[in-house]
């Protein structure tokens, strides 16, 4: 089980990695006059920025690290509230906790992303950031979210961990808000096993995020800086082997996504109009990553019946992607600076839970039971195979729920 990027690992990734191994130089920093230094991470950052249209890129060791560096770059700290949807991978929430902030959970709508109306209701004077998650490769409603954020003077972090390469109304996901964070995990649209990227146009945010990821150093050092560290930092650096694989994956990302979009379109056409089947609201049909096809049923019992027939989980049961399944979050409570207590408990987001109890993912390129993506297509399937699978699914639906 893996994401689309992993299925497309080939000669390009091997050659990039062998280039590093042959040099014997695996550290992300080096001197430009040292022939052994291949600068894979530095080139990845530059090419990624060119690809998405951002000024600054910071390669790190995971998507979680990218989120944490983003929060530190915004100086999120003790008592600061960050609004985040209750349907997202746990890293969105845990990164806020480790930055010292307080996660404020908000409802989703039928795009399975942050509901802009509920977002505005949850803003307080303590709200210091909004984390908009492009869940399952579908862009969040960024026009509405940015209108609210700009009007209220609140920065937006785009969690594009599951949506690298996606587009919303002509702009690459991760470049619409103040900061974008991406994951190159094994289950993502591009992969290097584990890795991530933070992008921003704000030089101050970039410098702070960079210092956090590398023991306080200023960006792109050569050697050890004595007396020039900008902050107290940690070590979330990406190494040259990881950067080499990610570089090769980035160069084929658009081709992979275009293929997923093509087979998803065919599959979706074949099952459109089935009684009782509604599709998730897609905010940009040309720009979504098309890693899954999400269906929503009107009735919970029918959803359960169909899920059993397909041996696939409903989204309410998709592990640490649903707040009610995050036991390490449910056992916590936070005190705001004015003494209020914020607790997390099952049932606190009723609309989110209702939608997820009636929803399931059909895989187009992402195969992961933990996210509820089991039945469907593989990332290298053809449009003919997509057509056949569509007929098969339609037959199952008619036999199961009428």
Protein backbone atom coordinates (compact mmCIF):
# COMPACT_ATOMS: atom_id res chain seq x y z
CA UNK A 1 0.00 0.00 0.00
CA UNK A 2 1.49 3.32 -1.04
CA UNK A 3 0.87 6.66 -2.69
CA UNK A 4 1.25 7.56 -6.36
CA UNK A 5 4.84 8.77 -6.12
CA UNK A 6 6.09 5.45 -4.78
CA UNK A 7 4.61 3.59 -7.76
CA UNK A 8 6.59 5.78 -10.16
CA UNK A 9 10.05 5.33 -8.62
CA UNK A 10 12.38 4.36 -11.44
CA UNK A 11 15.65 5.03 -13.21
CA UNK A 12 15.59 8.77 -12.55
CA UNK A 13 15.55 8.34 -8.76
CA UNK A 14 18.26 5.67 -8.91
CA UNK A 15 20.58 7.86 -10.96
CA UNK A 16 20.14 10.85 -8.67
CA UNK A 17 20.82 8.73 -5.57
CA UNK A 18 23.83 7.02 -7.15
CA UNK A 19 25.26 10.43 -8.02
CA UNK A 20 25.31 11.24 -4.29
CA UNK A 21 26.64 7.85 -3.23
CA UNK A 22 29.44 7.98 -5.78
CA UNK A 23 30.52 11.35 -4.37
CA UNK A 24 30.57 10.04 -0.80
CA UNK A 25 29.16 13.38 0.40
CA UNK A 26 25.73 13.00 2.04
CA UNK A 27 25.40 16.22 4.11
CA UNK A 28 23.05 18.93 2.83
CA UNK A 29 25.66 21.69 3.18
CA UNK A 30 28.90 22.03 1.27
CA UNK A 31 31.14 24.43 -0.58
CA UNK A 32 30.46 25.31 -4.19
CA UNK A 33 34.11 24.69 -5.05
CA UNK A 34 34.00 21.10 -3.70
CA UNK A 35 33.37 18.70 -6.59
CA UNK A 36 32.04 16.06 -4.18
CA UNK A 37 29.15 18.31 -3.10
CA UNK A 38 26.19 17.71 -5.43
CA UNK A 39 23.81 20.22 -3.76
CA UNK A 40 20.74 17.99 -4.22
CA UNK A 41 18.80 19.55 -1.31
CA UNK A 42 19.68 23.09 -2.39
CA UNK A 43 18.59 22.31 -5.96
CA UNK A 44 15.40 20.69 -4.71
CA UNK A 45 14.52 23.86 -2.79
CA UNK A 46 15.20 26.04 -5.83
CA UNK A 47 13.32 23.81 -8.30
CA UNK A 48 10.41 23.39 -5.92
CA UNK A 49 10.09 27.16 -5.51
CA UNK A 50 10.15 27.57 -9.29
CA UNK A 51 7.52 24.85 -9.62
CA UNK A 52 5.02 26.31 -7.13
CA UNK A 53 5.89 29.98 -7.61
CA UNK A 54 7.31 30.88 -4.19
CA UNK A 55 10.33 32.96 -3.20
CA UNK A 56 11.70 30.77 -0.40
CA UNK A 57 11.73 26.99 0.12
CA UNK A 58 12.96 24.99 3.08
CA UNK A 59 13.46 21.24 2.70
CA UNK A 60 13.02 19.29 5.94
CA UNK A 61 12.85 15.68 7.09
CA UNK A 62 9.03 15.34 7.16
CA UNK A 63 5.75 17.08 6.52
CA UNK A 64 5.27 17.36 10.28
CA UNK A 65 8.57 19.25 10.52
CA UNK A 66 7.40 21.55 7.72
CA UNK A 67 4.25 22.37 9.70
CA UNK A 68 6.22 22.93 12.89
CA UNK A 69 8.75 25.18 11.14
CA UNK A 70 5.83 27.13 9.65
CA UNK A 71 4.29 27.71 13.07
CA UNK A 72 7.63 28.75 14.54
CA UNK A 73 8.16 31.04 11.57
CA UNK A 74 4.92 32.80 12.55
CA UNK A 75 6.06 32.90 16.21
CA UNK A 76 3.10 30.82 17.40
CA UNK A 77 3.60 30.23 21.12
CA UNK A 78 1.99 29.75 24.51
CA UNK A 79 -1.73 30.43 24.51
CA UNK A 80 -1.96 31.23 20.81
CA UNK A 81 -4.98 29.65 19.16
CA UNK A 82 -4.72 28.04 15.73
CA UNK A 83 -7.92 26.98 13.98
CA UNK A 84 -7.66 23.60 12.25
CA UNK A 85 -10.30 21.23 10.82
CA UNK A 86 -11.27 18.14 12.80
CA UNK A 87 -10.72 15.95 9.73
CA UNK A 88 -6.99 15.98 9.02
CA UNK A 89 -3.97 13.87 9.81
CA UNK A 90 -2.94 14.18 13.44
CA UNK A 91 0.30 16.01 12.50
CA UNK A 92 -1.72 19.15 11.75
CA UNK A 93 -2.88 19.17 15.36
CA UNK A 94 0.23 17.82 17.11
CA UNK A 95 2.46 20.41 15.41
CA UNK A 96 0.33 23.17 16.95
CA UNK A 97 0.67 21.55 20.38
CA UNK A 98 4.46 21.25 20.10
CA UNK A 99 4.74 24.87 18.97
CA UNK A 100 3.06 25.76 22.28
CA UNK A 101 -0.24 26.78 20.73
CA UNK A 102 -3.81 25.64 21.30
CA UNK A 103 -5.59 23.75 18.47
CA UNK A 104 -9.14 25.00 17.95
CA UNK A 105 -11.03 22.32 16.03
CA UNK A 106 -13.52 23.39 13.38
CA UNK A 107 -16.14 21.66 11.25
CA UNK A 108 -15.69 20.50 7.66
CA UNK A 109 -18.24 20.77 4.87
CA UNK A 110 -18.91 18.40 1.98
CA UNK A 111 -15.60 19.29 0.35
CA UNK A 112 -14.19 17.44 3.41
CA UNK A 113 -12.20 20.60 4.14
CA UNK A 114 -12.49 23.47 6.59
CA UNK A 115 -15.96 25.04 6.51
CA UNK A 116 -15.43 28.81 6.07
CA UNK A 117 -18.63 29.65 7.93
CA UNK A 118 -17.61 27.61 10.96
CA UNK A 119 -14.08 29.02 10.72
CA UNK A 120 -15.33 32.56 11.26
CA UNK A 121 -17.46 31.52 14.24
CA UNK A 122 -14.39 30.13 16.00
CA UNK A 123 -12.14 33.19 15.68
CA UNK A 124 -11.34 34.94 18.97
CA UNK A 125 -8.91 37.65 20.02
CA UNK A 126 -6.45 34.81 20.75
CA UNK A 127 -6.55 33.40 17.19
CA UNK A 128 -3.06 33.79 15.75
CA UNK A 129 -3.25 31.53 12.69
CA UNK A 130 -5.57 29.46 10.52
CA UNK A 131 -4.43 26.08 9.20
CA UNK A 132 -6.29 25.27 5.99
CA UNK A 133 -5.84 21.60 5.08
CA UNK A 134 -6.19 20.45 1.46
CA UNK A 135 -7.48 17.08 2.55
CA UNK A 136 -7.06 14.11 0.21
CA UNK A 137 -5.75 16.36 -2.54
CA UNK A 138 -8.88 18.53 -2.81
CA UNK A 139 -8.19 22.27 -2.42
CA UNK A 140 -9.82 23.98 0.54
CA UNK A 141 -12.13 26.93 -0.23
CA UNK A 142 -9.23 29.34 -0.25
CA UNK A 143 -11.11 32.35 -1.66
CA UNK A 144 -13.52 32.35 1.26
CA UNK A 145 -10.85 31.44 3.81
CA UNK A 146 -8.47 34.17 2.62
CA UNK A 147 -11.27 36.76 2.61
CA UNK A 148 -11.97 36.00 6.27
CA UNK A 149 -8.28 35.81 7.18
CA UNK A 150 -7.36 39.07 5.45
CA UNK A 151 -10.33 40.90 6.91
CA UNK A 152 -9.42 39.71 10.41
CA UNK A 153 -5.65 40.10 9.96
CA UNK A 154 -4.84 36.42 10.60
CA UNK A 155 -2.10 34.53 8.69
CA UNK A 156 -2.97 31.28 6.92
CA UNK A 157 -0.83 28.14 6.83
CA UNK A 158 -1.77 25.80 4.00
CA UNK A 159 -1.30 22.17 5.00
CA UNK A 160 -0.73 20.73 1.54
CA UNK A 161 0.77 17.48 2.83
CA UNK A 162 -1.73 15.43 0.83
CA UNK A 163 -1.93 17.84 -2.08
CA UNK A 164 1.56 18.52 -3.43
CA UNK A 165 1.17 19.66 -7.04
CA UNK A 166 -2.47 20.65 -6.67
CA UNK A 167 -3.85 23.93 -7.99
CA UNK A 168 -6.65 26.25 -6.87
CA UNK A 169 -7.89 28.80 -9.42
CA UNK A 170 -4.55 29.11 -11.15
CA UNK A 171 -2.29 29.11 -8.09
CA UNK A 172 -0.34 26.14 -6.75
CA UNK A 173 -1.58 24.95 -3.37
CA UNK A 174 0.70 26.20 -0.61
CA UNK A 175 1.26 29.61 -2.21
CA UNK A 176 -2.11 31.23 -1.49
CA UNK A 177 -1.68 31.76 2.26
CA UNK A 178 1.33 33.08 4.15
CA UNK A 179 3.06 29.67 4.26
CA UNK A 180 2.66 26.29 2.59
CA UNK A 181 3.74 22.94 4.06
CA UNK A 182 4.14 19.70 2.07
CA UNK A 183 4.91 16.06 2.81
CA UNK A 184 7.00 13.65 0.73
CA UNK A 185 5.99 10.64 2.80
CA UNK A 186 5.58 7.18 1.21
CA UNK A 187 1.83 7.78 0.76
CA UNK A 188 2.06 11.13 -1.03
CA UNK A 189 1.90 12.38 -4.63
CA UNK A 190 5.71 12.59 -4.65
CA UNK A 191 7.91 10.73 -2.20
CA UNK A 192 11.43 10.22 -0.93
CA UNK A 193 10.32 7.87 1.86
CA UNK A 194 9.97 10.74 4.30
CA UNK A 195 10.61 14.42 3.79
CA UNK A 196 8.85 17.74 3.51
CA UNK A 197 9.00 21.33 2.34
CA UNK A 198 7.97 24.73 3.68
CA UNK A 199 7.48 27.61 1.23
CA UNK A 200 6.78 31.30 1.77
CA UNK A 201 7.29 34.69 0.15
CA UNK A 202 8.03 36.24 3.55
CA UNK A 203 11.80 36.39 4.14
CA UNK A 204 11.48 36.88 7.90
CA UNK A 205 9.23 33.84 8.26
CA UNK A 206 11.64 31.82 6.13
CA UNK A 207 14.66 32.88 8.19
CA UNK A 208 12.92 31.97 11.45
CA UNK A 209 11.75 28.62 10.08
CA UNK A 210 15.22 27.89 8.75
CA UNK A 211 16.85 28.68 12.08
CA UNK A 212 14.41 26.42 13.87
CA UNK A 213 15.15 23.50 11.53
CA UNK A 214 18.94 23.84 11.87
CA UNK A 215 20.13 24.79 15.35
CA UNK A 216 19.48 28.49 14.82
CA UNK A 217 21.64 28.89 11.73
CA UNK A 218 20.94 31.45 9.05
CA UNK A 219 19.87 30.12 5.63
CA UNK A 220 22.22 28.12 3.41
CA UNK A 221 25.33 28.26 5.53
CA UNK A 222 28.68 26.90 4.44
CA UNK A 223 30.58 25.41 7.34
CA UNK A 224 29.85 26.32 10.97
CA UNK A 225 28.69 29.82 11.87
CA UNK A 226 30.07 31.07 15.17
CA UNK A 227 28.17 33.91 16.74
CA UNK A 228 25.69 34.22 13.87
CA UNK A 229 22.89 31.92 14.96
CA UNK A 230 19.50 33.60 14.73
CA UNK A 231 17.61 31.53 17.33
CA UNK A 232 17.56 28.38 19.42
CA UNK A 233 16.79 25.61 16.97
CA UNK A 234 16.67 21.85 16.56
CA UNK A 235 17.68 19.50 13.75
CA UNK A 236 15.10 18.71 11.07
CA UNK A 237 17.53 18.81 8.14
CA UNK A 238 17.07 16.83 4.93
CA UNK A 239 20.13 14.88 3.74
CA UNK A 240 21.47 14.68 0.19
CA UNK A 241 20.21 11.15 -0.54
CA UNK A 242 16.68 12.12 0.42
CA UNK A 243 16.96 15.32 -1.59
CA UNK A 244 18.20 13.41 -4.63
CA UNK A 245 15.16 11.11 -4.70
CA UNK A 246 12.76 14.01 -4.08
CA UNK A 247 14.36 15.98 -6.91
CA UNK A 248 13.70 13.17 -9.40
CA UNK A 249 10.13 12.78 -8.13
CA UNK A 250 9.41 16.50 -8.44
CA UNK A 251 10.40 16.43 -12.11
CA UNK A 252 7.73 13.82 -12.90
CA UNK A 253 5.00 15.11 -10.55
CA UNK A 254 2.85 16.84 -13.16
CA UNK A 255 2.88 13.78 -15.42
CA UNK A 256 1.74 11.59 -12.52
CA UNK A 257 -1.06 13.97 -11.52
CA UNK A 258 -2.27 14.40 -15.09
CA UNK A 259 -2.57 10.63 -15.43
CA UNK A 260 -4.51 10.37 -12.14
CA UNK A 261 -6.88 13.11 -13.27
CA UNK A 262 -7.52 11.32 -16.55
CA UNK A 263 -8.36 7.94 -15.05
CA UNK A 264 -10.42 9.53 -12.28
CA UNK A 265 -12.48 11.42 -14.85
CA UNK A 266 -13.23 8.19 -16.69
CA UNK A 267 -14.08 6.29 -13.49
CA UNK A 268 -16.31 9.11 -12.23
CA UNK A 269 -18.19 9.35 -15.52
CA UNK A 270 -19.04 5.66 -15.35
CA UNK A 271 -20.60 5.89 -11.90
CA UNK A 272 -22.27 9.29 -12.19
CA UNK A 273 -26.02 9.17 -11.76
CA UNK A 274 -26.09 6.08 -9.56
CA UNK A 275 -29.00 6.20 -7.14
CA UNK A 276 -27.90 7.19 -3.65
CA UNK A 277 -24.36 8.19 -4.65
CA UNK A 278 -23.20 11.77 -4.18
CA UNK A 279 -19.66 12.97 -4.82
CA UNK A 280 -17.58 15.08 -2.47
CA UNK A 281 -17.65 18.76 -3.43
CA UNK A 282 -14.56 19.39 -5.58
CA UNK A 283 -13.43 23.01 -5.42
CA UNK A 284 -11.24 22.91 -8.56
CA UNK A 285 -11.87 19.96 -10.88
CA UNK A 286 -8.79 20.71 -12.99
CA UNK A 287 -6.49 21.38 -10.05
CA UNK A 288 -7.30 18.69 -7.49
CA UNK A 289 -4.72 15.91 -7.14
CA UNK A 290 -7.22 13.13 -7.96
CA UNK A 291 -5.67 10.61 -5.59
CA UNK A 292 -9.10 9.41 -4.45
CA UNK A 293 -12.73 9.60 -5.51
CA UNK A 294 -14.84 10.26 -2.41
CA UNK A 295 -18.52 9.34 -2.37
CA UNK A 296 -21.11 10.41 0.20
CA UNK A 297 -24.27 8.42 0.80
CA UNK A 298 -27.49 9.93 2.19
CA UNK A 299 -28.03 7.18 4.74
CA UNK A 300 -25.59 5.84 7.37
CA UNK A 301 -26.88 2.27 7.18
CA UNK A 302 -26.58 2.15 3.41
CA UNK A 303 -23.06 3.53 3.75
CA UNK A 304 -22.18 0.74 6.20
CA UNK A 305 -23.67 -1.90 3.92
CA UNK A 306 -21.73 -0.73 0.88
CA UNK A 307 -18.51 -0.39 2.87
CA UNK A 308 -18.83 -4.01 4.07
CA UNK A 309 -19.39 -5.22 0.51
CA UNK A 310 -16.26 -3.39 -0.67
CA UNK A 311 -14.25 -4.31 2.46
CA UNK A 312 -13.31 -0.66 2.87
CA UNK A 313 -13.62 1.58 5.95
CA UNK A 314 -15.98 4.50 6.13
CA UNK A 315 -14.07 7.73 6.69
CA UNK A 316 -15.24 7.98 10.30
CA UNK A 317 -13.04 4.90 10.93
CA UNK A 318 -9.97 6.14 9.10
CA UNK A 319 -7.68 6.23 12.11
CA UNK A 320 -5.73 9.35 13.07
CA UNK A 321 -7.31 11.38 10.31
CA UNK A 322 -10.43 11.97 12.41
CA UNK A 323 -10.21 13.93 15.66
CA UNK A 324 -12.49 11.52 17.54
CA UNK A 325 -9.97 8.70 16.95
CA UNK A 326 -6.98 10.65 18.30
CA UNK A 327 -6.86 9.29 21.84
CA UNK A 328 -3.74 11.31 22.65
CA UNK A 329 -5.69 14.49 21.83
CA UNK A 330 -8.94 13.48 23.55
CA UNK A 331 -7.13 13.03 26.86
CA UNK A 332 -5.74 16.60 26.81
CA UNK A 333 -7.09 19.92 27.92
CA UNK A 334 -5.59 23.37 27.49
CA UNK A 335 -5.99 26.57 29.46
CA UNK A 336 -6.15 29.80 27.52
CA UNK A 337 -4.29 32.85 28.78
CA UNK A 338 -7.52 34.20 30.27
CA UNK A 339 -8.20 30.95 32.16
CA UNK A 340 -10.71 29.25 29.87
CA UNK A 341 -10.38 25.49 29.45
CA UNK A 342 -10.47 23.88 26.00
CA UNK A 343 -11.23 20.15 25.92
CA UNK A 344 -11.56 17.73 23.04
CA UNK A 345 -14.24 15.06 23.09
CA UNK A 346 -16.11 12.80 20.73
CA UNK A 347 -19.19 14.44 19.30
CA UNK A 348 -17.88 18.01 19.57
CA UNK A 349 -17.98 18.38 15.76
CA UNK A 350 -21.37 16.81 14.88
CA UNK A 351 -21.48 17.90 11.24
CA UNK A 352 -17.99 16.55 10.60
CA UNK A 353 -18.90 13.20 12.15
CA UNK A 354 -22.17 12.95 10.22
CA UNK A 355 -20.42 13.55 6.88
CA UNK A 356 -17.63 11.08 7.65
CA UNK A 357 -20.08 8.37 8.77
CA UNK A 358 -21.62 8.47 5.28
CA UNK A 359 -18.44 8.81 3.23
CA UNK A 360 -15.90 6.45 1.70
CA UNK A 361 -12.89 6.76 -0.56
CA UNK A 362 -12.45 4.91 -3.83
CA UNK A 363 -8.76 4.84 -4.63
CA UNK A 364 -7.41 6.40 -7.82
CA UNK A 365 -3.73 6.47 -6.91
CA UNK A 366 -3.53 6.32 -3.14
CA UNK A 367 -3.84 2.91 -1.51
CA UNK A 368 -3.99 3.17 2.28
CA UNK A 369 -6.53 1.47 4.54
CA UNK A 370 -5.61 3.99 7.23
CA UNK A 371 -7.17 6.73 5.15
CA UNK A 372 -10.03 4.57 3.94
CA UNK A 373 -8.69 4.08 0.41
CA UNK A 374 -8.79 0.37 -0.52
CA UNK A 375 -11.17 -0.35 -3.43
CA UNK A 376 -10.60 1.19 -6.83
CA UNK A 377 -7.78 1.94 -9.25
CA UNK A 378 -4.01 1.84 -9.11
CA UNK A 379 -1.92 4.86 -10.12
CA UNK A 380 -0.73 3.18 -13.33
CA UNK A 381 -4.10 1.84 -14.44
CA UNK A 382 -5.29 2.85 -17.89
CA UNK A 383 -8.47 4.67 -18.85
CA UNK A 384 -9.76 1.33 -20.18
CA UNK A 385 -9.20 -0.25 -16.76
CA UNK A 386 -10.87 2.77 -15.14
CA UNK A 387 -13.88 2.24 -17.37
CA UNK A 388 -14.06 -1.44 -16.43
CA UNK A 389 -13.73 -0.69 -12.71
CA UNK A 390 -16.48 1.90 -13.02
CA UNK A 391 -18.87 -0.66 -14.50
CA UNK A 392 -17.92 -3.12 -11.74
CA UNK A 393 -18.56 -0.56 -9.01
CA UNK A 394 -21.90 0.47 -10.52
CA UNK A 395 -22.99 -3.19 -10.54
CA UNK A 396 -22.01 -3.58 -6.87
CA UNK A 397 -23.96 -0.46 -5.88
CA UNK A 398 -27.10 -1.62 -7.66
CA UNK A 399 -26.89 -5.05 -6.05
CA UNK A 400 -26.16 -3.65 -2.58
CA UNK A 401 -28.27 -0.53 -2.07
CA UNK A 402 -30.61 -0.56 -5.06
